[in-house]
Structures are given as C-alpha cells and as structure tokens.
Amino acid sequence: MRVTLHGTRGSVGRAGPATVRYGGDTSSVEVTADDGSAIVLDAGSGIVHSRSAAQATGRVDVLLTHLHMDHIQGLGFFAPLFESEVEAHLWGPISTTRSLARRLARYLSPPLFPVRLRELPSLVVHDLAPGTFDIGTFRITADFVIHPGQTFGYRIGADDRTLTYLPDHEPALGVGRIPWDPAWTSGFDLAHGADLLLHDAQYSDDQYPERIGWGHSTLSQALDFAEMAEVGRLVTFHHEPNHTDEMIDQLHVQARAGRSPAVRFDAGLTGTTFEV
C-alpha cells in the first residue's frame, strides 16, 4: 500500500517561499493498493494533484473526514468529477439534519461556485454512519473523533497493512494531555496498532492554551497519542498555516531532543509517498 501526501496544510492554504518544502495545499491524501485501486482522503486544494485512481480504474472514491472548507475546497477543481466516463463516489459523515449532498451543495452552487453539485455527470454521494465497509480491496472503518462538527477519522486496511488518518483531532480536549486510557481517548480504536498514522499536529505547546476546543493537537500530544496507540510510524499533518518550513523543522528537532519517543515520527511533506 502506497500513501501519497498531496496536501498537508491546515485551516487555509499558504503557498510561498517559506512553505515550499512542507507545502501550502490543504488536506488531501491518495492511498493506492498493490492491485492499482486507489482512494482519496479529503478534498482540500491538494486533491488537484491526484489522478491515478481515475486513470487506472475508471473509478474514483473520495472520503471526506468533515466539511470544513479546507477539506472540501478542491472538490470543484478535481477533474475526474467532471469526466462522464469516470464513476465518481463521494463519501462523508452522516448528519441528522441534512444529507451529505445537500450540505455540499451549499458550497458547490452559485454564488460560491459556478457549477452545481447535481450537474456533475457520474457522481454518487454516500452518507456514512460509523462502521466498517469495503471499497474494492480496501477495508475501511469510520468513526467520529473530537473536532467541531461531525468529523470522522478513518482506518484503512489493504495488502495486510493499515493506515489511520486523523487530520483534525483533539484527543486532549478537557484534560490538556492524552488521557493514556484507551476507553477515554478519542480515536484510539482507529489508530491502535496501525502501521502508519497521519495525525494532526497543528500547534506548538505554547500556542495550544489559546486554542483549546478548536479541534487540533500539538506535536507532543500527537506523539503521546501515537505511543499509546502503539503505531508503527507517525507522520504529522495539518500544519499550522503560519508555520514556515523552518518552524516545522524546529518543532521536530525540539521534540526529538526533549524525549526518547517509542515511535518513529516525521513531518508530512507534500509530494511524499510512503510505502506501508
């Protein structure tokens, strides 16, 4: 299983010379199985770089964690959705008030966007409840995690390997640190024993106290969570838009100097592919 990061920035895109290495595009990740089938996680601006799924199989599946703008702003610019020969499926968390299609149509319609969601030629929209389901060779588990609004994390299995995707996640909410009790830790079941964990690490320890409840983690909290969940490798994600490449480097250097982590960890760089 190959995992390619097409967008790693959180909240808002930030392109420029100070973010060129870690990238300025917002959240989107492509996961490809050994048989060539693929899924796309989130539709931030980074999704425009993802086309291999549609090219290889004539089908594309996009799984949304939630509907905050930085996770859907690339949908209207994702070329496979406009190709009649591509079977397009869009998956996202269920709501008790409006269907996923109706919620997305509030963005993909005038005056916010010139093309309406219903005009896309071959799109099927799926309202997901928490649980486990299959897309081709992929075995996927979705569950709600701590973040404002209806937000999923995903556990994805293929080729006897497991990826957990938690790009917007605040498991330390209310206690200021990871509880170290699986029964009281958001996202634990999704992450436990995963080979690769992509996890929110938006804030520094100094920034977090002023942003409690905003739905994100610090690098140290992400490390604590990864160690508790006994994952094979952590890749940090959803970088703060005001963090330059140099600042992200410094945060990771400080994290390595201040502890002896039980898990390998790296900062997510746009364009990087991980073999899981």
C-alpha atoms as a PDB file:
ATOM      1  CA  MET A   1       0.000   0.000   0.000  1.00  0.00           C
ATOM      2  CA  ARG A   2       1.325   3.429  -1.007  1.00  0.00           C
ATOM      3  CA  VAL A   3       0.295   6.652   0.700  1.00  0.00           C
ATOM      4  CA  THR A   4       0.963   9.922  -1.137  1.00  0.00           C
ATOM      5  CA  LEU A   5       0.547  13.301   0.537  1.00  0.00           C
ATOM      6  CA  HIS A   6      -0.918  15.838  -1.890  1.00  0.00           C
ATOM      7  CA  GLY A   7      -1.858  18.473   0.692  1.00  0.00           C
ATOM      8  CA  THR A   8      -0.613  18.761   4.285  1.00  0.00           C
ATOM      9  CA  ARG A   9      -1.545  22.305   5.356  1.00  0.00           C
ATOM     10  CA  GLY A  10      -4.385  23.013   7.782  1.00  0.00           C
ATOM     11  CA  SER A  11      -7.124  25.645   8.023  1.00  0.00           C
ATOM     12  CA  VAL A  12      -6.091  27.699   4.981  1.00  0.00           C
ATOM     13  CA  GLY A  13      -3.633  27.290   2.130  1.00  0.00           C
ATOM     14  CA  ARG A  14      -0.304  29.038   2.466  1.00  0.00           C
ATOM     15  CA  ALA A  15       1.815  28.975  -0.674  1.00  0.00           C
ATOM     16  CA  GLY A  16       5.103  30.842  -0.893  1.00  0.00           C
ATOM     17  CA  PRO A  17       8.859  30.581  -0.442  1.00  0.00           C
ATOM     18  CA  ALA A  18       8.546  29.996   3.319  1.00  0.00           C
ATOM     19  CA  THR A  19       6.318  26.918   2.881  1.00  0.00           C
ATOM     20  CA  VAL A  20       7.676  25.394  -0.309  1.00  0.00           C
ATOM     21  CA  ARG A  21       9.052  22.189   1.293  1.00  0.00           C
ATOM     22  CA  TYR A  22       6.148  21.184   3.520  1.00  0.00           C
ATOM     23  CA  GLY A  23       3.650  22.581   1.043  1.00  0.00           C
ATOM     24  CA  GLY A  24       0.855  25.093   1.003  1.00  0.00           C
ATOM     25  CA  ASP A  25      -2.052  22.941  -0.215  1.00  0.00           C
ATOM     26  CA  THR A  26      -4.723  21.866   2.249  1.00  0.00           C
ATOM     27  CA  SER A  27      -5.543  18.297   3.218  1.00  0.00           C
ATOM     28  CA  SER A  28      -5.650  15.537   0.628  1.00  0.00           C
ATOM     29  CA  VAL A  29      -4.023  12.098   0.587  1.00  0.00           C
ATOM     30  CA  GLU A  30      -4.086   9.347  -2.037  1.00  0.00           C
ATOM     31  CA  VAL A  31      -3.893   5.690  -0.971  1.00  0.00           C
ATOM     32  CA  THR A  32      -3.055   3.072  -3.613  1.00  0.00           C
ATOM     33  CA  ALA A  33      -3.231  -0.696  -3.135  1.00  0.00           C
ATOM     34  CA  ASP A  34      -0.932  -3.209  -4.799  1.00  0.00           C
ATOM     35  CA  ASP A  35      -3.622  -4.025  -7.386  1.00  0.00           C
ATOM     36  CA  GLY A  36      -3.712  -0.392  -8.548  1.00  0.00           C
ATOM     37  CA  SER A  37      -7.021   0.559  -6.939  1.00  0.00           C
ATOM     38  CA  ALA A  38      -6.984   3.820  -5.020  1.00  0.00           C
ATOM     39  CA  ILE A  39      -8.975   6.067  -2.737  1.00  0.00           C
ATOM     40  CA  VAL A  40      -8.554   9.758  -1.926  1.00  0.00           C
ATOM     41  CA  LEU A  41      -8.821  11.067   1.622  1.00  0.00           C
ATOM     42  CA  ASP A  42     -10.253  14.590   1.843  1.00  0.00           C
ATOM     43  CA  ALA A  43     -10.659  17.150  -0.904  1.00  0.00           C
ATOM     44  CA  GLY A  44      -8.601  20.136   0.150  1.00  0.00           C
ATOM     45  CA  SER A  45      -6.733  22.066  -2.513  1.00  0.00           C
ATOM     46  CA  GLY A  46      -4.176  19.236  -2.721  1.00  0.00           C
ATOM     47  CA  ILE A  47      -6.698  16.946  -4.408  1.00  0.00           C
ATOM     48  CA  VAL A  48      -5.977  18.590  -7.777  1.00  0.00           C
ATOM     49  CA  HIS A  49      -2.686  16.641  -7.835  1.00  0.00           C
ATOM     50  CA  SER A  50      -4.461  13.263  -7.557  1.00  0.00           C
ATOM     51  CA  ARG A  51      -5.500  11.462 -10.744  1.00  0.00           C
ATOM     52  CA  SER A  52      -4.055   7.956 -10.646  1.00  0.00           C
ATOM     53  CA  ALA A  53      -7.206   6.338  -9.253  1.00  0.00           C
ATOM     54  CA  ALA A  54      -9.418   7.511 -12.103  1.00  0.00           C
ATOM     55  CA  GLN A  55      -6.775   6.841 -14.744  1.00  0.00           C
ATOM     56  CA  ALA A  56      -6.114   3.271 -13.592  1.00  0.00           C
ATOM     57  CA  THR A  57      -9.632   2.013 -12.934  1.00  0.00           C
ATOM     58  CA  GLY A  58     -12.168   4.494 -14.302  1.00  0.00           C
ATOM     59  CA  ARG A  59     -13.477   4.963 -10.780  1.00  0.00           C
ATOM     60  CA  VAL A  60     -12.587   7.416  -8.043  1.00  0.00           C
ATOM     61  CA  ASP A  61     -13.644   7.344  -4.377  1.00  0.00           C
ATOM     62  CA  VAL A  62     -13.181  10.414  -2.206  1.00  0.00           C
ATOM     63  CA  LEU A  63     -13.638  10.011   1.551  1.00  0.00           C
ATOM     64  CA  LEU A  64     -14.265  13.246   3.466  1.00  0.00           C
ATOM     65  CA  THR A  65     -13.492  13.477   7.163  1.00  0.00           C
ATOM     66  CA  HIS A  66     -15.751  16.545   7.546  1.00  0.00           C
ATOM     67  CA  LEU A  67     -16.984  19.559   5.643  1.00  0.00           C
ATOM     68  CA  HIS A  68     -14.797  22.395   6.864  1.00  0.00           C
ATOM     69  CA  MET A  69     -13.721  24.465   3.881  1.00  0.00           C
ATOM     70  CA  ASP A  70     -10.064  23.426   3.950  1.00  0.00           C
ATOM     71  CA  HIS A  71     -11.172  19.811   3.408  1.00  0.00           C
ATOM     72  CA  ILE A  72     -13.606  20.371   0.524  1.00  0.00           C
ATOM     73  CA  GLN A  73     -12.313  23.439  -1.321  1.00  0.00           C
ATOM     74  CA  GLY A  74     -10.631  21.334  -4.002  1.00  0.00           C
ATOM     75  CA  LEU A  75     -13.743  19.380  -4.989  1.00  0.00           C
ATOM     76  CA  GLY A  76     -14.830  21.805  -7.680  1.00  0.00           C
ATOM     77  CA  PHE A  77     -11.368  21.644  -9.252  1.00  0.00           C
ATOM     78  CA  PHE A  78     -10.947  17.854  -9.186  1.00  0.00           C
ATOM     79  CA  ALA A  79     -11.034  16.977 -12.885  1.00  0.00           C
ATOM     80  CA  PRO A  80     -12.296  13.344 -12.612  1.00  0.00           C
ATOM     81  CA  LEU A  81     -15.621  14.570 -11.184  1.00  0.00           C
ATOM     82  CA  PHE A  82     -16.341  16.288 -14.500  1.00  0.00           C
ATOM     83  CA  GLU A  83     -15.500  13.301 -16.712  1.00  0.00           C
ATOM     84  CA  SER A  84     -18.567  11.302 -17.742  1.00  0.00           C
ATOM     85  CA  GLU A  85     -16.537   8.119 -18.254  1.00  0.00           C
ATOM     86  CA  VAL A  86     -15.327   8.178 -14.612  1.00  0.00           C
ATOM     87  CA  GLU A  87     -17.515   6.594 -11.935  1.00  0.00           C
ATOM     88  CA  ALA A  88     -17.163   9.022  -9.018  1.00  0.00           C
ATOM     89  CA  HIS A  89     -18.145   8.262  -5.428  1.00  0.00           C
ATOM     90  CA  LEU A  90     -18.101  10.785  -2.614  1.00  0.00           C
ATOM     91  CA  TRP A  91     -18.308   9.570   0.993  1.00  0.00           C
ATOM     92  CA  GLY A  92     -18.713  11.614   4.182  1.00  0.00           C
ATOM     93  CA  PRO A  93     -20.210  11.687   7.690  1.00  0.00           C
ATOM     94  CA  ILE A  94     -23.943  11.381   8.112  1.00  0.00           C
ATOM     95  CA  SER A  95     -25.966  14.177   9.697  1.00  0.00           C
ATOM     96  CA  THR A  96     -29.345  14.143  11.416  1.00  0.00           C
ATOM     97  CA  THR A  97     -30.403  17.372   9.691  1.00  0.00           C
ATOM     98  CA  ARG A  98     -29.298  17.348   6.034  1.00  0.00           C
ATOM     99  CA  SER A  99     -27.935  14.790   3.606  1.00  0.00           C
ATOM    100  CA  LEU A 100     -24.286  14.974   2.601  1.00  0.00           C
ATOM    101  CA  ALA A 101     -25.309  16.026  -0.905  1.00  0.00           C
ATOM    102  CA  ARG A 102     -27.440  18.907   0.378  1.00  0.00           C
ATOM    103  CA  ARG A 103     -24.681  20.105   2.715  1.00  0.00           C
ATOM    104  CA  LEU A 104     -22.060  20.015  -0.039  1.00  0.00           C
ATOM    105  CA  ALA A 105     -24.426  21.757  -2.441  1.00  0.00           C
ATOM    106  CA  ARG A 106     -24.299  24.821  -0.211  1.00  0.00           C
ATOM    107  CA  TYR A 107     -20.702  25.240  -1.412  1.00  0.00           C
ATOM    108  CA  LEU A 108     -20.910  23.717  -4.901  1.00  0.00           C
ATOM    109  CA  SER A 109     -23.560  26.108  -6.191  1.00  0.00           C
ATOM    110  CA  PRO A 110     -23.823  29.831  -7.017  1.00  0.00           C
ATOM    111  CA  PRO A 111     -22.865  32.307  -5.718  1.00  0.00           C
ATOM    112  CA  LEU A 112     -19.954  30.411  -4.111  1.00  0.00           C
ATOM    113  CA  PHE A 113     -19.212  28.201  -7.126  1.00  0.00           C
ATOM    114  CA  PRO A 114     -20.364  28.375 -10.758  1.00  0.00           C
ATOM    115  CA  VAL A 115     -21.165  24.658 -11.154  1.00  0.00           C
ATOM    116  CA  ARG A 116     -23.832  22.903  -9.112  1.00  0.00           C
ATOM    117  CA  LEU A 117     -23.153  19.565  -7.430  1.00  0.00           C
ATOM    118  CA  ARG A 118     -26.118  17.994  -9.231  1.00  0.00           C
ATOM    119  CA  GLU A 119     -24.555  18.874 -12.601  1.00  0.00           C
ATOM    120  CA  LEU A 120     -21.556  16.586 -12.103  1.00  0.00           C
ATOM    121  CA  PRO A 121     -22.063  13.758 -14.614  1.00  0.00           C
ATOM    122  CA  SER A 122     -21.428  10.492 -12.762  1.00  0.00           C
ATOM    123  CA  LEU A 123     -21.341  11.343  -9.057  1.00  0.00           C
ATOM    124  CA  VAL A 124     -22.781   9.121  -6.317  1.00  0.00           C
ATOM    125  CA  VAL A 125     -22.873  10.632  -2.811  1.00  0.00           C
ATOM    126  CA  HIS A 126     -22.840   8.312   0.213  1.00  0.00           C
ATOM    127  CA  ASP A 127     -23.919   9.302   3.741  1.00  0.00           C
ATOM    128  CA  LEU A 128     -21.675   7.311   6.078  1.00  0.00           C
ATOM    129  CA  ALA A 129     -22.537   6.158   9.582  1.00  0.00           C
ATOM    130  CA  PRO A 130     -19.789   4.909  11.906  1.00  0.00           C
ATOM    131  CA  GLY A 131     -18.805   1.377  10.985  1.00  0.00           C
ATOM    132  CA  THR A 132     -16.774  -0.797   8.633  1.00  0.00           C
ATOM    133  CA  PHE A 133     -17.273  -1.150   4.880  1.00  0.00           C
ATOM    134  CA  ASP A 134     -15.369  -2.137   1.739  1.00  0.00           C
ATOM    135  CA  ILE A 135     -14.348  -0.176  -1.330  1.00  0.00           C
ATOM    136  CA  GLY A 136     -12.770  -2.663  -3.704  1.00  0.00           C
ATOM    137  CA  THR A 137      -9.728  -4.140  -1.988  1.00  0.00           C
ATOM    138  CA  PHE A 138      -9.850  -1.611   0.848  1.00  0.00           C
ATOM    139  CA  ARG A 139     -11.378  -2.418   4.238  1.00  0.00           C
ATOM    140  CA  ILE A 140     -12.352   0.903   5.848  1.00  0.00           C
ATOM    141  CA  THR A 141     -13.563   1.776   9.342  1.00  0.00           C
ATOM    142  CA  ALA A 142     -15.035   5.210  10.021  1.00  0.00           C
ATOM    143  CA  ASP A 143     -15.726   6.638  13.455  1.00  0.00           C
ATOM    144  CA  PHE A 144     -16.405  10.043  14.963  1.00  0.00           C
ATOM    145  CA  VAL A 145     -13.494  11.844  16.629  1.00  0.00           C
ATOM    146  CA  ILE A 146     -13.161  15.038  18.665  1.00  0.00           C
ATOM    147  CA  HIS A 147     -13.309  18.038  16.328  1.00  0.00           C
ATOM    148  CA  PRO A 148     -16.023  20.699  15.938  1.00  0.00           C
ATOM    149  CA  GLY A 149     -18.895  19.355  13.847  1.00  0.00           C
ATOM    150  CA  GLN A 150     -19.491  15.844  12.531  1.00  0.00           C
ATOM    151  CA  THR A 151     -15.929  14.605  11.916  1.00  0.00           C
ATOM    152  CA  PHE A 152     -14.672  11.143  11.017  1.00  0.00           C
ATOM    153  CA  GLY A 153     -11.324   9.511  11.374  1.00  0.00           C
ATOM    154  CA  TYR A 154     -10.569   6.577   9.062  1.00  0.00           C
ATOM    155  CA  ARG A 155      -8.737   3.293   9.464  1.00  0.00           C
ATOM    156  CA  ILE A 156      -7.843   1.792   6.084  1.00  0.00           C
ATOM    157  CA  GLY A 157      -6.587  -1.708   5.511  1.00  0.00           C
ATOM    158  CA  ALA A 158      -5.169  -3.249   2.326  1.00  0.00           C
ATOM    159  CA  ASP A 159      -2.383  -5.664   1.429  1.00  0.00           C
ATOM    160  CA  ASP A 160      -2.127  -6.732   5.098  1.00  0.00           C
ATOM    161  CA  ARG A 161      -1.179  -3.174   6.098  1.00  0.00           C
ATOM    162  CA  THR A 162      -3.075  -0.488   7.956  1.00  0.00           C
ATOM    163  CA  LEU A 163      -3.213   3.296   7.694  1.00  0.00           C
ATOM    164  CA  THR A 164      -5.029   5.555  10.166  1.00  0.00           C
ATOM    165  CA  TYR A 165      -5.981   9.051   9.028  1.00  0.00           C
ATOM    166  CA  LEU A 166      -6.785  11.613  11.752  1.00  0.00           C
ATOM    167  CA  PRO A 167      -6.049  15.011  10.210  1.00  0.00           C
ATOM    168  CA  ASP A 168      -8.260  17.107  12.515  1.00  0.00           C
ATOM    169  CA  HIS A 169      -8.259  15.694  16.033  1.00  0.00           C
ATOM    170  CA  GLU A 170      -8.094  16.980  19.618  1.00  0.00           C
ATOM    171  CA  PRO A 171      -7.928  13.926  21.900  1.00  0.00           C
ATOM    172  CA  ALA A 172      -6.532  16.045  24.772  1.00  0.00           C
ATOM    173  CA  LEU A 173      -9.628  18.273  24.940  1.00  0.00           C
ATOM    174  CA  GLY A 174     -10.737  18.870  28.519  1.00  0.00           C
ATOM    175  CA  VAL A 175      -7.629  17.432  30.145  1.00  0.00           C
ATOM    176  CA  GLY A 176      -4.773  19.151  28.299  1.00  0.00           C
ATOM    177  CA  ARG A 177      -2.925  15.899  27.701  1.00  0.00           C
ATOM    178  CA  ILE A 178      -3.581  12.443  26.287  1.00  0.00           C
ATOM    179  CA  PRO A 179      -5.548  10.511  28.963  1.00  0.00           C
ATOM    180  CA  TRP A 180      -3.494   7.293  28.487  1.00  0.00           C
ATOM    181  CA  ASP A 181      -6.702   5.338  28.972  1.00  0.00           C
ATOM    182  CA  PRO A 182      -7.970   3.882  25.691  1.00  0.00           C
ATOM    183  CA  ALA A 183     -11.557   3.914  26.924  1.00  0.00           C
ATOM    184  CA  TRP A 184     -11.399   7.707  27.270  1.00  0.00           C
ATOM    185  CA  THR A 185      -9.263   8.603  24.281  1.00  0.00           C
ATOM    186  CA  SER A 186     -10.850   9.738  21.030  1.00  0.00           C
ATOM    187  CA  GLY A 187      -9.567   7.856  18.005  1.00  0.00           C
ATOM    188  CA  PHE A 188      -7.755   5.105  19.899  1.00  0.00           C
ATOM    189  CA  ASP A 189      -9.595   2.184  18.304  1.00  0.00           C
ATOM    190  CA  LEU A 190      -8.979   3.616  14.840  1.00  0.00           C
ATOM    191  CA  ALA A 191      -5.250   4.020  15.464  1.00  0.00           C
ATOM    192  CA  HIS A 192      -4.326   1.060  17.670  1.00  0.00           C
ATOM    193  CA  GLY A 193      -1.575  -0.987  16.058  1.00  0.00           C
ATOM    194  CA  ALA A 194      -1.687   0.843  12.710  1.00  0.00           C
ATOM    195  CA  ASP A 195       1.417   0.629  10.552  1.00  0.00           C
ATOM    196  CA  LEU A 196       1.183   4.329   9.652  1.00  0.00           C
ATOM    197  CA  LEU A 197      -0.670   7.133  11.431  1.00  0.00           C
ATOM    198  CA  LEU A 198      -1.284  10.503   9.785  1.00  0.00           C
ATOM    199  CA  HIS A 199      -2.211  12.773  12.671  1.00  0.00           C
ATOM    200  CA  ASP A 200      -2.974  16.397  13.344  1.00  0.00           C
ATOM    201  CA  ALA A 201      -0.024  18.287  14.860  1.00  0.00           C
ATOM    202  CA  GLN A 202      -1.061  21.834  14.084  1.00  0.00           C
ATOM    203  CA  TYR A 203       0.073  23.697  17.196  1.00  0.00           C
ATOM    204  CA  SER A 204       3.144  24.183  19.303  1.00  0.00           C
ATOM    205  CA  ASP A 205       2.836  23.641  23.053  1.00  0.00           C
ATOM    206  CA  ASP A 206       2.892  27.431  23.528  1.00  0.00           C
ATOM    207  CA  GLN A 207       0.046  28.000  21.058  1.00  0.00           C
ATOM    208  CA  TYR A 208      -2.337  25.339  22.351  1.00  0.00           C
ATOM    209  CA  PRO A 209      -3.610  27.037  25.549  1.00  0.00           C
ATOM    210  CA  GLU A 210      -5.121  29.850  23.473  1.00  0.00           C
ATOM    211  CA  ARG A 211      -6.727  27.402  21.031  1.00  0.00           C
ATOM    212  CA  ILE A 212      -8.334  24.806  23.293  1.00  0.00           C
ATOM    213  CA  GLY A 213     -11.509  23.493  21.713  1.00  0.00           C
ATOM    214  CA  TRP A 214     -10.508  24.419  18.172  1.00  0.00           C
ATOM    215  CA  GLY A 215     -10.169  20.719  17.352  1.00  0.00           C
ATOM    216  CA  HIS A 216      -6.426  20.300  16.861  1.00  0.00           C
ATOM    217  CA  SER A 217      -3.357  18.833  18.571  1.00  0.00           C
ATOM    218  CA  THR A 218       0.201  19.787  19.363  1.00  0.00           C
ATOM    219  CA  LEU A 219       3.169  17.759  18.159  1.00  0.00           C
ATOM    220  CA  SER A 220       3.779  16.477  21.695  1.00  0.00           C
ATOM    221  CA  GLN A 221       0.135  15.400  22.011  1.00  0.00           C
ATOM    222  CA  ALA A 222       0.347  13.625  18.643  1.00  0.00           C
ATOM    223  CA  LEU A 223       3.445  11.782  19.837  1.00  0.00           C
ATOM    224  CA  ASP A 224       1.778  10.776  23.099  1.00  0.00           C
ATOM    225  CA  PHE A 225      -1.247   9.522  21.164  1.00  0.00           C
ATOM    226  CA  ALA A 226       0.924   7.557  18.705  1.00  0.00           C
ATOM    227  CA  GLU A 227       2.888   5.924  21.523  1.00  0.00           C
ATOM    228  CA  MET A 228      -0.244   4.994  23.442  1.00  0.00           C
ATOM    229  CA  ALA A 229      -1.808   3.521  20.275  1.00  0.00           C
ATOM    230  CA  GLU A 230       1.402   1.574  19.524  1.00  0.00           C
ATOM    231  CA  VAL A 231       1.552   2.599  15.891  1.00  0.00           C
ATOM    232  CA  GLY A 232       4.481   1.719  13.667  1.00  0.00           C
ATOM    233  CA  ARG A 233       5.134   5.223  12.372  1.00  0.00           C
ATOM    234  CA  LEU A 234       3.698   8.711  12.867  1.00  0.00           C
ATOM    235  CA  VAL A 235       3.605  11.343  10.138  1.00  0.00           C
ATOM    236  CA  THR A 236       2.446  14.730  11.357  1.00  0.00           C
ATOM    237  CA  PHE A 237      -0.194  16.523   9.336  1.00  0.00           C
ATOM    238  CA  HIS A 238      -2.439  19.589   9.065  1.00  0.00           C
ATOM    239  CA  HIS A 239       0.436  22.021   9.615  1.00  0.00           C
ATOM    240  CA  GLU A 240      -0.429  25.435  11.009  1.00  0.00           C
ATOM    241  CA  PRO A 241      -0.675  27.898   8.068  1.00  0.00           C
ATOM    242  CA  ASN A 242       1.595  30.391   9.835  1.00  0.00           C
ATOM    243  CA  HIS A 243       4.317  27.815  10.460  1.00  0.00           C
ATOM    244  CA  THR A 244       7.137  28.158   7.964  1.00  0.00           C
ATOM    245  CA  ASP A 245       9.280  25.235   6.847  1.00  0.00           C
ATOM    246  CA  GLU A 246      11.936  26.384   9.308  1.00  0.00           C
ATOM    247  CA  MET A 247       9.458  26.490  12.199  1.00  0.00           C
ATOM    248  CA  ILE A 248       8.190  22.974  11.462  1.00  0.00           C
ATOM    249  CA  ASP A 249      11.792  21.755  11.324  1.00  0.00           C
ATOM    250  CA  GLN A 250      12.488  23.371  14.698  1.00  0.00           C
ATOM    251  CA  LEU A 251       9.406  21.840  16.332  1.00  0.00           C
ATOM    252  CA  HIS A 252      10.511  18.361  15.268  1.00  0.00           C
ATOM    253  CA  VAL A 253      14.106  18.925  16.350  1.00  0.00           C
ATOM    254  CA  GLN A 254      12.864  20.070  19.762  1.00  0.00           C
ATOM    255  CA  ALA A 255      10.562  17.054  20.052  1.00  0.00           C
ATOM    256  CA  ARG A 256      13.443  14.670  19.357  1.00  0.00           C
ATOM    257  CA  ALA A 257      15.714  16.472  21.817  1.00  0.00           C
ATOM    258  CA  GLY A 258      13.151  16.544  24.595  1.00  0.00           C
ATOM    259  CA  ARG A 259      12.159  12.882  24.683  1.00  0.00           C
ATOM    260  CA  SER A 260      13.060   9.413  23.528  1.00  0.00           C
ATOM    261  CA  PRO A 261       9.956   8.548  21.520  1.00  0.00           C
ATOM    262  CA  ALA A 262       8.919   4.942  21.228  1.00  0.00           C
ATOM    263  CA  VAL A 263       7.621   5.537  17.708  1.00  0.00           C
ATOM    264  CA  ARG A 264       9.318   6.792  14.565  1.00  0.00           C
ATOM    265  CA  PHE A 265       7.936  10.156  13.500  1.00  0.00           C
ATOM    266  CA  ASP A 266       8.364  12.578  10.611  1.00  0.00           C
ATOM    267  CA  ALA A 267       6.757  15.793   9.438  1.00  0.00           C
ATOM    268  CA  GLY A 268       4.476  15.338   6.440  1.00  0.00           C
ATOM    269  CA  LEU A 269       5.817  16.921   3.243  1.00  0.00           C
ATOM    270  CA  THR A 270       3.571  17.480   0.253  1.00  0.00           C
ATOM    271  CA  GLY A 271       4.511  15.095  -2.579  1.00  0.00           C
ATOM    272  CA  THR A 272       5.984  12.428  -0.313  1.00  0.00           C
ATOM    273  CA  THR A 273       4.974   8.793  -0.857  1.00  0.00           C
ATOM    274  CA  PHE A 274       5.193   6.256   1.963  1.00  0.00           C
ATOM    275  CA  GLU A 275       5.355   2.537   1.297  1.00  0.00           C
ATOM    276  CA  VAL A 276       3.363   0.925   4.098  1.00  0.00           C
END
